[in-house]
């Protein structure tokens, strides 16, 4: 337990740790956040367009992470996959 001694009461008093960023901000860092923002701004975007706009060779890892976390959904449009925000 972190704490300091309270001089008036002569006992250890708990001191809370400094404020931390929200967990969702920690989990969505860097390129993952960029992919999510791009999908939110362009619903129905195709993977090739995500790659082109973010200058990535591939974004399947980012897209799969967003799918698992329930932040985006994908639909099949003919032969193409399209991504939408949830």
N, C-alpha and C. Protein backbone atom coordinates (compact mmCIF):
# COMPACT_ATOMS: atom_id res chain seq x y z
N UNK A 1 0.84 -1.18 0.00
CA UNK A 1 0.00 0.00 0.00
C UNK A 1 0.88 1.24 0.00
N UNK A 2 0.58 2.15 -0.90
CA UNK A 2 1.30 3.41 -0.91
C UNK A 2 0.64 4.35 0.09
N UNK A 3 1.44 5.10 0.76
CA UNK A 3 0.84 6.02 1.71
C UNK A 3 1.86 6.93 2.34
N UNK A 4 1.36 7.85 3.10
CA UNK A 4 2.19 8.78 3.86
C UNK A 4 1.68 8.79 5.28
N UNK A 5 2.53 9.17 6.17
CA UNK A 5 2.13 9.21 7.57
C UNK A 5 1.39 10.50 7.86
N UNK A 6 0.21 10.37 8.43
CA UNK A 6 -0.58 11.54 8.83
C UNK A 6 -0.05 11.99 10.19
N UNK A 7 0.58 13.16 10.21
CA UNK A 7 1.22 13.64 11.44
C UNK A 7 0.21 13.86 12.56
N UNK A 8 -1.01 14.24 12.21
CA UNK A 8 -2.00 14.53 13.24
C UNK A 8 -2.51 13.27 13.91
N UNK A 9 -2.66 12.20 13.13
CA UNK A 9 -3.25 10.98 13.68
C UNK A 9 -2.21 9.90 13.95
N UNK A 10 -0.97 10.11 13.45
CA UNK A 10 0.08 9.15 13.70
C UNK A 10 -0.11 7.81 13.01
N UNK A 11 -0.78 7.78 11.87
CA UNK A 11 -0.98 6.52 11.15
C UNK A 11 -0.77 6.74 9.66
N UNK A 12 -0.65 5.65 8.94
CA UNK A 12 -0.44 5.70 7.49
C UNK A 12 -1.78 5.96 6.82
N UNK A 13 -1.80 6.92 5.92
CA UNK A 13 -3.01 7.27 5.18
C UNK A 13 -2.74 6.97 3.71
N UNK A 14 -3.70 6.33 3.07
CA UNK A 14 -3.54 5.95 1.67
C UNK A 14 -3.51 7.19 0.77
N UNK A 15 -2.59 7.14 -0.20
CA UNK A 15 -2.49 8.20 -1.18
C UNK A 15 -2.78 7.57 -2.53
N UNK A 16 -3.77 8.06 -3.23
CA UNK A 16 -4.12 7.52 -4.54
C UNK A 16 -3.04 7.86 -5.55
N UNK A 17 -2.88 6.96 -6.51
CA UNK A 17 -1.91 7.20 -7.57
C UNK A 17 -2.43 8.31 -8.49
N UNK A 18 -1.54 8.97 -9.22
CA UNK A 18 -1.97 10.03 -10.13
C UNK A 18 -2.91 9.49 -11.20
N UNK A 19 -3.68 10.40 -11.75
CA UNK A 19 -4.67 10.01 -12.77
C UNK A 19 -3.97 9.37 -13.96
N UNK A 20 -4.56 8.30 -14.48
CA UNK A 20 -4.04 7.61 -15.65
C UNK A 20 -5.00 7.80 -16.80
N UNK A 21 -4.52 7.65 -18.04
CA UNK A 21 -5.42 7.73 -19.18
C UNK A 21 -6.47 6.62 -19.12
N UNK A 22 -7.60 6.86 -19.73
CA UNK A 22 -8.66 5.85 -19.77
C UNK A 22 -8.14 4.59 -20.42
N UNK A 23 -8.65 3.45 -19.98
CA UNK A 23 -8.18 2.15 -20.50
C UNK A 23 -8.37 2.05 -22.00
N UNK A 24 -9.49 2.57 -22.51
CA UNK A 24 -9.74 2.48 -23.95
C UNK A 24 -8.69 3.25 -24.74
N UNK A 25 -8.19 4.36 -24.19
CA UNK A 25 -7.15 5.11 -24.88
C UNK A 25 -5.84 4.33 -24.89
N UNK A 26 -5.56 3.60 -23.82
CA UNK A 26 -4.34 2.81 -23.76
C UNK A 26 -4.41 1.65 -24.74
N UNK A 27 -5.59 1.07 -24.89
CA UNK A 27 -5.74 -0.09 -25.76
C UNK A 27 -5.77 0.30 -27.22
N UNK A 28 -6.20 1.49 -27.51
CA UNK A 28 -6.27 1.94 -28.90
C UNK A 28 -5.19 2.97 -29.14
N UNK A 29 -4.01 2.50 -29.36
CA UNK A 29 -2.89 3.40 -29.57
C UNK A 29 -2.37 3.27 -30.99
N UNK A 30 -1.73 4.32 -31.46
CA UNK A 30 -1.04 4.30 -32.75
C UNK A 30 -1.92 3.97 -33.94
N UNK A 31 -1.42 3.02 -34.74
CA UNK A 31 -2.10 2.69 -35.99
C UNK A 31 -3.49 2.09 -35.76
N UNK A 32 -3.69 1.39 -34.65
CA UNK A 32 -5.00 0.80 -34.38
C UNK A 32 -6.05 1.90 -34.27
N UNK A 33 -5.72 2.97 -33.59
CA UNK A 33 -6.63 4.10 -33.44
C UNK A 33 -6.88 4.77 -34.79
N UNK A 34 -5.83 4.87 -35.61
CA UNK A 34 -5.98 5.47 -36.94
C UNK A 34 -6.92 4.65 -37.81
N UNK A 35 -6.79 3.33 -37.75
CA UNK A 35 -7.67 2.46 -38.54
C UNK A 35 -9.12 2.63 -38.09
N UNK A 36 -9.36 2.65 -36.78
CA UNK A 36 -10.72 2.83 -36.27
C UNK A 36 -11.30 4.17 -36.70
N UNK A 37 -10.53 5.23 -36.58
CA UNK A 37 -11.02 6.56 -36.98
C UNK A 37 -11.34 6.60 -38.47
N UNK A 38 -10.50 5.96 -39.28
CA UNK A 38 -10.73 5.93 -40.71
C UNK A 38 -12.03 5.19 -41.03
N UNK A 39 -12.28 4.07 -40.36
CA UNK A 39 -13.52 3.32 -40.58
C UNK A 39 -14.72 4.13 -40.12
N UNK A 40 -14.60 4.84 -39.00
CA UNK A 40 -15.71 5.67 -38.51
C UNK A 40 -16.03 6.81 -39.48
N UNK A 41 -15.01 7.38 -40.08
CA UNK A 41 -15.22 8.50 -41.01
C UNK A 41 -15.65 8.04 -42.40
N UNK A 42 -15.41 6.77 -42.71
CA UNK A 42 -15.71 6.22 -44.04
C UNK A 42 -16.40 4.87 -43.91
N UNK A 43 -17.64 4.84 -43.42
CA UNK A 43 -18.32 3.55 -43.27
C UNK A 43 -18.39 2.81 -44.60
N UNK A 44 -18.14 1.51 -44.55
CA UNK A 44 -18.17 0.71 -45.77
C UNK A 44 -16.85 0.69 -46.51
N UNK A 45 -15.80 1.17 -45.87
CA UNK A 45 -14.49 1.22 -46.51
C UNK A 45 -13.93 -0.19 -46.72
N UNK A 46 -13.21 -0.37 -47.81
CA UNK A 46 -12.60 -1.66 -48.12
C UNK A 46 -11.18 -1.71 -47.57
N UNK A 47 -10.67 -2.90 -47.28
CA UNK A 47 -9.32 -3.03 -46.73
C UNK A 47 -8.24 -2.38 -47.59
N UNK A 48 -8.36 -2.50 -48.90
CA UNK A 48 -7.34 -1.91 -49.77
C UNK A 48 -7.30 -0.38 -49.62
N UNK A 49 -8.45 0.21 -49.40
CA UNK A 49 -8.52 1.66 -49.21
C UNK A 49 -7.91 2.06 -47.86
N UNK A 50 -8.15 1.26 -46.84
CA UNK A 50 -7.53 1.51 -45.53
C UNK A 50 -6.01 1.49 -45.68
N UNK A 51 -5.50 0.45 -46.34
CA UNK A 51 -4.06 0.32 -46.54
C UNK A 51 -3.49 1.52 -47.32
N UNK A 52 -4.20 1.92 -48.36
CA UNK A 52 -3.72 3.01 -49.20
C UNK A 52 -3.70 4.33 -48.43
N UNK A 53 -4.79 4.62 -47.72
CA UNK A 53 -4.88 5.91 -47.02
C UNK A 53 -3.92 6.02 -45.84
N UNK A 54 -3.62 4.89 -45.18
CA UNK A 54 -2.72 4.92 -44.03
C UNK A 54 -1.29 4.50 -44.38
N UNK A 55 -1.05 4.26 -45.68
CA UNK A 55 0.26 3.86 -46.16
C UNK A 55 0.78 2.61 -45.43
N UNK A 56 -0.10 1.60 -45.34
CA UNK A 56 0.25 0.33 -44.71
C UNK A 56 0.33 -0.75 -45.78
N UNK A 57 1.23 -1.71 -45.58
CA UNK A 57 1.27 -2.85 -46.51
C UNK A 57 0.06 -3.73 -46.30
N UNK A 58 -0.30 -3.94 -45.04
CA UNK A 58 -1.51 -4.70 -44.72
C UNK A 58 -2.06 -4.23 -43.38
N UNK A 59 -3.37 -4.35 -43.24
CA UNK A 59 -4.02 -3.88 -42.01
C UNK A 59 -4.87 -4.98 -41.39
N UNK A 60 -4.70 -6.23 -41.82
CA UNK A 60 -5.56 -7.30 -41.34
C UNK A 60 -5.45 -7.51 -39.83
N UNK A 61 -4.29 -7.36 -39.26
CA UNK A 61 -4.14 -7.51 -37.81
C UNK A 61 -4.92 -6.46 -37.05
N UNK A 62 -4.86 -5.22 -37.52
CA UNK A 62 -5.60 -4.13 -36.88
C UNK A 62 -7.11 -4.35 -37.02
N UNK A 63 -7.53 -4.72 -38.24
CA UNK A 63 -8.96 -4.93 -38.47
C UNK A 63 -9.49 -6.08 -37.63
N UNK A 64 -8.73 -7.17 -37.52
CA UNK A 64 -9.16 -8.31 -36.71
C UNK A 64 -9.25 -7.94 -35.23
N UNK A 65 -8.32 -7.14 -34.75
CA UNK A 65 -8.37 -6.69 -33.36
C UNK A 65 -9.62 -5.86 -33.11
N UNK A 66 -9.94 -4.96 -34.03
CA UNK A 66 -11.14 -4.13 -33.88
C UNK A 66 -12.41 -4.98 -33.94
N UNK A 67 -12.40 -6.00 -34.78
CA UNK A 67 -13.55 -6.92 -34.86
C UNK A 67 -13.73 -7.68 -33.55
N UNK A 68 -12.64 -8.22 -33.01
CA UNK A 68 -12.72 -8.97 -31.74
C UNK A 68 -13.20 -8.10 -30.60
N UNK A 69 -12.81 -6.85 -30.60
CA UNK A 69 -13.22 -5.93 -29.53
C UNK A 69 -14.62 -5.38 -29.73
N UNK A 70 -15.25 -5.72 -30.85
CA UNK A 70 -16.61 -5.28 -31.11
C UNK A 70 -16.73 -3.82 -31.50
N UNK A 71 -15.66 -3.24 -32.02
CA UNK A 71 -15.69 -1.83 -32.40
C UNK A 71 -16.07 -1.61 -33.86
N UNK A 72 -15.89 -2.64 -34.68
CA UNK A 72 -16.29 -2.58 -36.09
C UNK A 72 -16.94 -3.90 -36.47
N UNK A 73 -17.64 -3.87 -37.59
CA UNK A 73 -18.21 -5.10 -38.14
C UNK A 73 -17.85 -5.14 -39.62
N UNK A 74 -17.84 -6.36 -40.19
CA UNK A 74 -17.54 -6.46 -41.60
C UNK A 74 -18.69 -7.16 -42.30
N UNK A 75 -18.88 -6.77 -43.54
CA UNK A 75 -19.91 -7.40 -44.37
C UNK A 75 -19.27 -7.73 -45.72
N UNK A 76 -19.83 -8.74 -46.35
CA UNK A 76 -19.35 -9.14 -47.66
C UNK A 76 -20.22 -8.46 -48.71
N UNK A 77 -19.55 -7.82 -49.67
CA UNK A 77 -20.24 -7.13 -50.76
C UNK A 77 -19.70 -7.71 -52.07
N UNK A 78 -20.36 -8.76 -52.57
CA UNK A 78 -19.83 -9.47 -53.73
C UNK A 78 -18.55 -10.18 -53.30
N UNK A 79 -17.44 -9.85 -53.95
CA UNK A 79 -16.15 -10.43 -53.57
C UNK A 79 -15.41 -9.58 -52.54
N UNK A 80 -15.91 -8.38 -52.30
CA UNK A 80 -15.21 -7.44 -51.42
C UNK A 80 -15.75 -7.50 -49.99
N UNK A 81 -14.86 -7.20 -49.04
CA UNK A 81 -15.27 -7.04 -47.65
C UNK A 81 -15.34 -5.55 -47.37
N UNK A 82 -16.33 -5.17 -46.59
CA UNK A 82 -16.47 -3.76 -46.21
C UNK A 82 -16.56 -3.69 -44.70
N UNK A 83 -15.99 -2.62 -44.14
CA UNK A 83 -15.94 -2.44 -42.69
C UNK A 83 -16.76 -1.24 -42.27
N UNK A 84 -17.53 -1.43 -41.18
CA UNK A 84 -18.42 -0.40 -40.65
C UNK A 84 -18.19 -0.24 -39.16
N UNK A 85 -18.34 0.98 -38.65
CA UNK A 85 -18.26 1.16 -37.19
C UNK A 85 -19.49 0.57 -36.52
N UNK A 86 -19.34 0.17 -35.28
CA UNK A 86 -20.48 -0.38 -34.52
C UNK A 86 -21.11 0.71 -33.71
